[in-house]
Amino acid sequence: MSYLTAAQLAARLNLGLRTVYALAIPQYRFGGSVRWAESDVEEYEGGCRRVPRVMQTLSISSFKTSSPNPSADLLAYFASQGIKVRPTPRNQRRKVAK
């Protein structure tokens, strides 16, 4: 089992020395020095990995409408598929001052 010093761990994770000591990685003390097991660091790095959510793809054949309001039908279709549509300035209805 190989161990890393604080300086080696800081360089590996691109962090400052003070931040390295505050991480939730198990530390080993040998005399007056602190070391981190490389296997623990790899496990920590694996836990930090973020995988983007896979976006659902819609085929043209899965959505068909002949409604006079296709955007409302599309929003209902998204809701039935569990896809949340967040309002943005482009798909948010604007209130017109009278």
N, C-alpha and C. Protein backbone atom coordinates (compact mmCIF):
# COMPACT_ATOMS: atom_id res chain seq x y z
N MET A 1 0.87 -1.18 0.00
CA MET A 1 0.00 0.00 0.00
C MET A 1 0.91 1.23 0.00
N SER A 2 0.62 2.16 -0.89
CA SER A 2 1.43 3.38 -0.96
C SER A 2 0.66 4.54 -0.32
N TYR A 3 1.43 5.45 0.26
CA TYR A 3 0.86 6.58 0.98
C TYR A 3 1.32 7.88 0.33
N LEU A 4 0.46 8.90 0.44
CA LEU A 4 0.75 10.22 -0.11
C LEU A 4 0.94 11.22 1.01
N THR A 5 1.85 12.16 0.81
CA THR A 5 2.02 13.26 1.76
C THR A 5 0.97 14.32 1.45
N ALA A 6 0.88 15.30 2.32
CA ALA A 6 -0.08 16.38 2.11
C ALA A 6 0.24 17.15 0.83
N ALA A 7 1.52 17.38 0.57
CA ALA A 7 1.91 18.12 -0.63
C ALA A 7 1.57 17.32 -1.89
N GLN A 8 1.81 16.00 -1.86
CA GLN A 8 1.48 15.16 -3.02
C GLN A 8 -0.02 15.12 -3.26
N LEU A 9 -0.79 15.00 -2.18
CA LEU A 9 -2.25 14.96 -2.31
C LEU A 9 -2.79 16.30 -2.82
N ALA A 10 -2.23 17.40 -2.32
CA ALA A 10 -2.66 18.73 -2.77
C ALA A 10 -2.38 18.90 -4.26
N ALA A 11 -1.23 18.43 -4.71
CA ALA A 11 -0.89 18.55 -6.13
C ALA A 11 -1.81 17.66 -6.97
N ARG A 12 -2.11 16.48 -6.47
CA ARG A 12 -2.95 15.54 -7.21
C ARG A 12 -4.38 16.05 -7.36
N LEU A 13 -4.92 16.65 -6.29
CA LEU A 13 -6.30 17.14 -6.33
C LEU A 13 -6.41 18.61 -6.71
N ASN A 14 -5.27 19.25 -6.92
CA ASN A 14 -5.23 20.68 -7.26
C ASN A 14 -5.91 21.52 -6.18
N LEU A 15 -5.53 21.26 -4.92
CA LEU A 15 -6.08 21.97 -3.78
C LEU A 15 -4.95 22.54 -2.94
N GLY A 16 -5.30 23.42 -2.01
CA GLY A 16 -4.33 23.95 -1.07
C GLY A 16 -4.07 22.96 0.06
N LEU A 17 -2.94 23.15 0.76
CA LEU A 17 -2.59 22.25 1.85
C LEU A 17 -3.63 22.26 2.97
N ARG A 18 -4.13 23.42 3.33
CA ARG A 18 -5.12 23.49 4.40
C ARG A 18 -6.41 22.77 4.02
N THR A 19 -6.78 22.84 2.76
CA THR A 19 -7.99 22.16 2.30
C THR A 19 -7.82 20.65 2.35
N VAL A 20 -6.61 20.17 2.04
CA VAL A 20 -6.34 18.74 2.05
C VAL A 20 -6.59 18.15 3.43
N TYR A 21 -6.19 18.85 4.47
CA TYR A 21 -6.38 18.34 5.83
C TYR A 21 -7.86 18.32 6.23
N ALA A 22 -8.69 19.13 5.58
CA ALA A 22 -10.11 19.21 5.92
C ALA A 22 -10.97 18.21 5.13
N LEU A 23 -10.39 17.53 4.17
CA LEU A 23 -11.15 16.58 3.35
C LEU A 23 -11.59 15.38 4.18
N ALA A 24 -12.65 14.73 3.70
CA ALA A 24 -13.19 13.55 4.39
C ALA A 24 -12.51 12.28 3.89
N ILE A 25 -11.18 12.30 3.88
CA ILE A 25 -10.39 11.13 3.50
C ILE A 25 -9.68 10.64 4.75
N PRO A 26 -9.75 9.35 5.04
CA PRO A 26 -9.08 8.84 6.24
C PRO A 26 -7.58 9.14 6.22
N GLN A 27 -7.07 9.58 7.37
CA GLN A 27 -5.66 9.93 7.51
C GLN A 27 -4.95 8.88 8.35
N TYR A 28 -3.69 8.67 8.06
CA TYR A 28 -2.85 7.77 8.84
C TYR A 28 -1.71 8.58 9.42
N ARG A 29 -1.46 8.41 10.71
CA ARG A 29 -0.37 9.13 11.37
C ARG A 29 0.77 8.15 11.64
N PHE A 30 1.93 8.51 11.15
CA PHE A 30 3.15 7.75 11.40
C PHE A 30 4.11 8.68 12.11
N GLY A 31 4.23 8.53 13.42
CA GLY A 31 5.06 9.44 14.18
C GLY A 31 4.42 10.82 14.17
N GLY A 32 5.11 11.80 13.66
CA GLY A 32 4.57 13.16 13.59
C GLY A 32 4.05 13.54 12.22
N SER A 33 4.04 12.59 11.29
CA SER A 33 3.61 12.92 9.93
C SER A 33 2.25 12.30 9.63
N VAL A 34 1.54 12.95 8.74
CA VAL A 34 0.21 12.49 8.32
C VAL A 34 0.32 12.02 6.88
N ARG A 35 -0.29 10.87 6.60
CA ARG A 35 -0.29 10.32 5.24
C ARG A 35 -1.69 9.88 4.87
N TRP A 36 -1.94 9.79 3.56
CA TRP A 36 -3.22 9.31 3.04
C TRP A 36 -2.94 8.12 2.15
N ALA A 37 -3.71 7.06 2.31
CA ALA A 37 -3.55 5.87 1.47
C ALA A 37 -4.05 6.17 0.07
N GLU A 38 -3.30 5.74 -0.90
CA GLU A 38 -3.67 6.02 -2.29
C GLU A 38 -5.02 5.39 -2.64
N SER A 39 -5.31 4.23 -2.08
CA SER A 39 -6.60 3.57 -2.35
C SER A 39 -7.76 4.40 -1.79
N ASP A 40 -7.57 5.05 -0.62
CA ASP A 40 -8.60 5.92 -0.06
C ASP A 40 -8.80 7.16 -0.93
N VAL A 41 -7.71 7.68 -1.46
CA VAL A 41 -7.79 8.87 -2.32
C VAL A 41 -8.53 8.53 -3.61
N GLU A 42 -8.24 7.35 -4.18
CA GLU A 42 -8.93 6.94 -5.40
C GLU A 42 -10.42 6.74 -5.15
N GLU A 43 -10.76 6.18 -3.99
CA GLU A 43 -12.17 6.02 -3.63
C GLU A 43 -12.85 7.38 -3.48
N TYR A 44 -12.16 8.33 -2.86
CA TYR A 44 -12.70 9.69 -2.70
C TYR A 44 -12.90 10.35 -4.06
N GLU A 45 -11.92 10.20 -4.95
CA GLU A 45 -12.04 10.77 -6.29
C GLU A 45 -13.21 10.16 -7.05
N GLY A 46 -13.42 8.87 -6.89
CA GLY A 46 -14.56 8.22 -7.54
C GLY A 46 -15.89 8.75 -7.03
N GLY A 47 -15.95 9.09 -5.74
CA GLY A 47 -17.17 9.64 -5.17
C GLY A 47 -17.44 11.07 -5.61
N CYS A 48 -16.41 11.76 -6.06
CA CYS A 48 -16.56 13.15 -6.51
C CYS A 48 -16.99 13.23 -7.97
N ARG A 49 -16.95 12.13 -8.66
CA ARG A 49 -17.26 12.12 -10.08
C ARG A 49 -18.74 12.40 -10.30
N ARG A 50 -19.02 13.30 -11.21
CA ARG A 50 -20.40 13.63 -11.57
C ARG A 50 -20.65 13.16 -12.99
N VAL A 51 -21.71 12.41 -13.13
CA VAL A 51 -22.09 11.90 -14.45
C VAL A 51 -23.34 12.66 -14.87
N PRO A 52 -23.31 13.31 -16.03
CA PRO A 52 -24.49 14.06 -16.46
C PRO A 52 -25.67 13.12 -16.71
N ARG A 53 -26.84 13.63 -16.39
CA ARG A 53 -28.04 12.84 -16.63
C ARG A 53 -28.21 12.66 -18.13
N VAL A 54 -28.60 11.49 -18.50
CA VAL A 54 -28.83 11.20 -19.92
C VAL A 54 -30.16 11.81 -20.31
N MET A 55 -30.11 12.64 -21.32
CA MET A 55 -31.33 13.27 -21.78
C MET A 55 -32.13 12.29 -22.61
N GLN A 56 -33.41 12.31 -22.42
CA GLN A 56 -34.27 11.45 -23.20
C GLN A 56 -34.40 12.02 -24.61
N THR A 57 -34.34 11.13 -25.57
CA THR A 57 -34.52 11.57 -26.94
C THR A 57 -35.94 11.23 -27.37
N LEU A 58 -36.51 12.09 -28.10
CA LEU A 58 -37.88 11.91 -28.58
C LEU A 58 -37.82 11.72 -30.09
N SER A 59 -38.46 10.69 -30.55
CA SER A 59 -38.54 10.50 -32.00
C SER A 59 -39.79 11.22 -32.50
N ILE A 60 -39.77 11.56 -33.75
CA ILE A 60 -40.91 12.27 -34.33
C ILE A 60 -42.17 11.41 -34.25
N SER A 61 -42.01 10.10 -34.39
CA SER A 61 -43.18 9.23 -34.38
C SER A 61 -43.78 9.10 -32.97
N SER A 62 -43.01 9.46 -31.91
CA SER A 62 -43.55 9.31 -30.56
C SER A 62 -44.45 10.48 -30.17
N PHE A 63 -44.42 11.56 -30.93
CA PHE A 63 -45.28 12.70 -30.61
C PHE A 63 -45.94 13.19 -31.88
N LYS A 64 -47.25 13.07 -31.91
CA LYS A 64 -48.02 13.55 -33.05
C LYS A 64 -49.22 14.31 -32.51
N THR A 65 -49.54 15.41 -33.15
CA THR A 65 -50.71 16.18 -32.74
C THR A 65 -51.33 16.85 -33.95
N SER A 66 -52.62 17.01 -33.85
CA SER A 66 -53.33 17.78 -34.88
C SER A 66 -54.14 18.87 -34.19
N SER A 67 -53.71 19.20 -32.98
CA SER A 67 -54.40 20.17 -32.16
C SER A 67 -54.10 21.60 -32.63
N PRO A 68 -55.02 22.53 -32.38
CA PRO A 68 -54.73 23.93 -32.72
C PRO A 68 -53.67 24.53 -31.79
N ASN A 69 -53.38 23.87 -30.65
CA ASN A 69 -52.38 24.37 -29.71
C ASN A 69 -51.32 23.28 -29.48
N PRO A 70 -50.39 23.11 -30.44
CA PRO A 70 -49.42 22.03 -30.32
C PRO A 70 -48.44 22.22 -29.16
N SER A 71 -48.15 23.46 -28.75
CA SER A 71 -47.21 23.66 -27.65
C SER A 71 -47.78 23.13 -26.34
N ALA A 72 -49.09 23.28 -26.13
CA ALA A 72 -49.71 22.74 -24.92
C ALA A 72 -49.69 21.22 -24.96
N ASP A 73 -49.91 20.64 -26.14
CA ASP A 73 -49.84 19.19 -26.27
C ASP A 73 -48.43 18.67 -26.00
N LEU A 74 -47.44 19.42 -26.47
CA LEU A 74 -46.06 19.02 -26.25
C LEU A 74 -45.72 19.08 -24.76
N LEU A 75 -46.16 20.12 -24.08
CA LEU A 75 -45.93 20.21 -22.63
C LEU A 75 -46.62 19.06 -21.89
N ALA A 76 -47.81 18.69 -22.31
CA ALA A 76 -48.51 17.57 -21.70
C ALA A 76 -47.77 16.26 -21.98
N TYR A 77 -47.23 16.13 -23.18
CA TYR A 77 -46.46 14.94 -23.51
C TYR A 77 -45.22 14.84 -22.64
N PHE A 78 -44.51 15.96 -22.48
CA PHE A 78 -43.34 15.97 -21.61
C PHE A 78 -43.71 15.56 -20.20
N ALA A 79 -44.81 16.07 -19.68
CA ALA A 79 -45.27 15.73 -18.34
C ALA A 79 -45.57 14.23 -18.24
N SER A 80 -46.16 13.65 -19.26
CA SER A 80 -46.47 12.22 -19.23
C SER A 80 -45.21 11.37 -19.25
N GLN A 81 -44.13 11.89 -19.83
CA GLN A 81 -42.86 11.17 -19.88
C GLN A 81 -41.98 11.45 -18.66
N GLY A 82 -42.47 12.32 -17.75
CA GLY A 82 -41.69 12.65 -16.55
C GLY A 82 -40.62 13.68 -16.77
N ILE A 83 -40.73 14.45 -17.85
CA ILE A 83 -39.74 15.48 -18.16
C ILE A 83 -40.28 16.81 -17.68
N LYS A 84 -39.51 17.47 -16.80
CA LYS A 84 -39.95 18.77 -16.28
C LYS A 84 -39.43 19.87 -17.19
N VAL A 85 -40.31 20.75 -17.57
CA VAL A 85 -39.95 21.88 -18.42
C VAL A 85 -39.88 23.11 -17.53
N ARG A 86 -38.69 23.70 -17.50
CA ARG A 86 -38.54 24.90 -16.69
C ARG A 86 -38.89 26.12 -17.53
N PRO A 87 -39.62 27.05 -16.97
CA PRO A 87 -39.97 28.24 -17.74
C PRO A 87 -38.73 29.10 -18.00
N THR A 88 -38.60 29.54 -19.21
CA THR A 88 -37.54 30.46 -19.61
C THR A 88 -38.20 31.61 -20.34
N PRO A 89 -37.48 32.68 -20.58
CA PRO A 89 -38.09 33.79 -21.30
C PRO A 89 -38.66 33.39 -22.66
N ARG A 90 -38.13 32.32 -23.26
CA ARG A 90 -38.61 31.92 -24.58
C ARG A 90 -39.91 31.15 -24.54
N ASN A 91 -40.11 30.32 -23.50
CA ASN A 91 -41.35 29.54 -23.48
C ASN A 91 -42.30 29.98 -22.37
N GLN A 92 -42.06 31.14 -21.82
CA GLN A 92 -42.94 31.68 -20.78
C GLN A 92 -43.87 32.69 -21.44
N ARG A 93 -45.11 32.61 -21.11
CA ARG A 93 -46.06 33.55 -21.71
C ARG A 93 -45.83 34.94 -21.13
N ARG A 94 -45.75 35.91 -22.00
CA ARG A 94 -45.55 37.28 -21.55
C ARG A 94 -46.90 37.97 -21.37
N LYS A 95 -47.01 38.73 -20.33
CA LYS A 95 -48.23 39.48 -20.08
C LYS A 95 -48.13 40.79 -20.84
N VAL A 96 -49.13 41.06 -21.62
CA VAL A 96 -49.15 42.28 -22.42
C VAL A 96 -49.93 43.34 -21.66
N ALA A 97 -49.30 44.51 -21.45
CA ALA A 97 -49.97 45.62 -20.75
C ALA A 97 -51.04 46.19 -21.66
N LYS A 98 -52.22 46.42 -21.10
CA LYS A 98 -53.31 46.99 -21.90
C LYS A 98 -53.52 48.44 -21.59
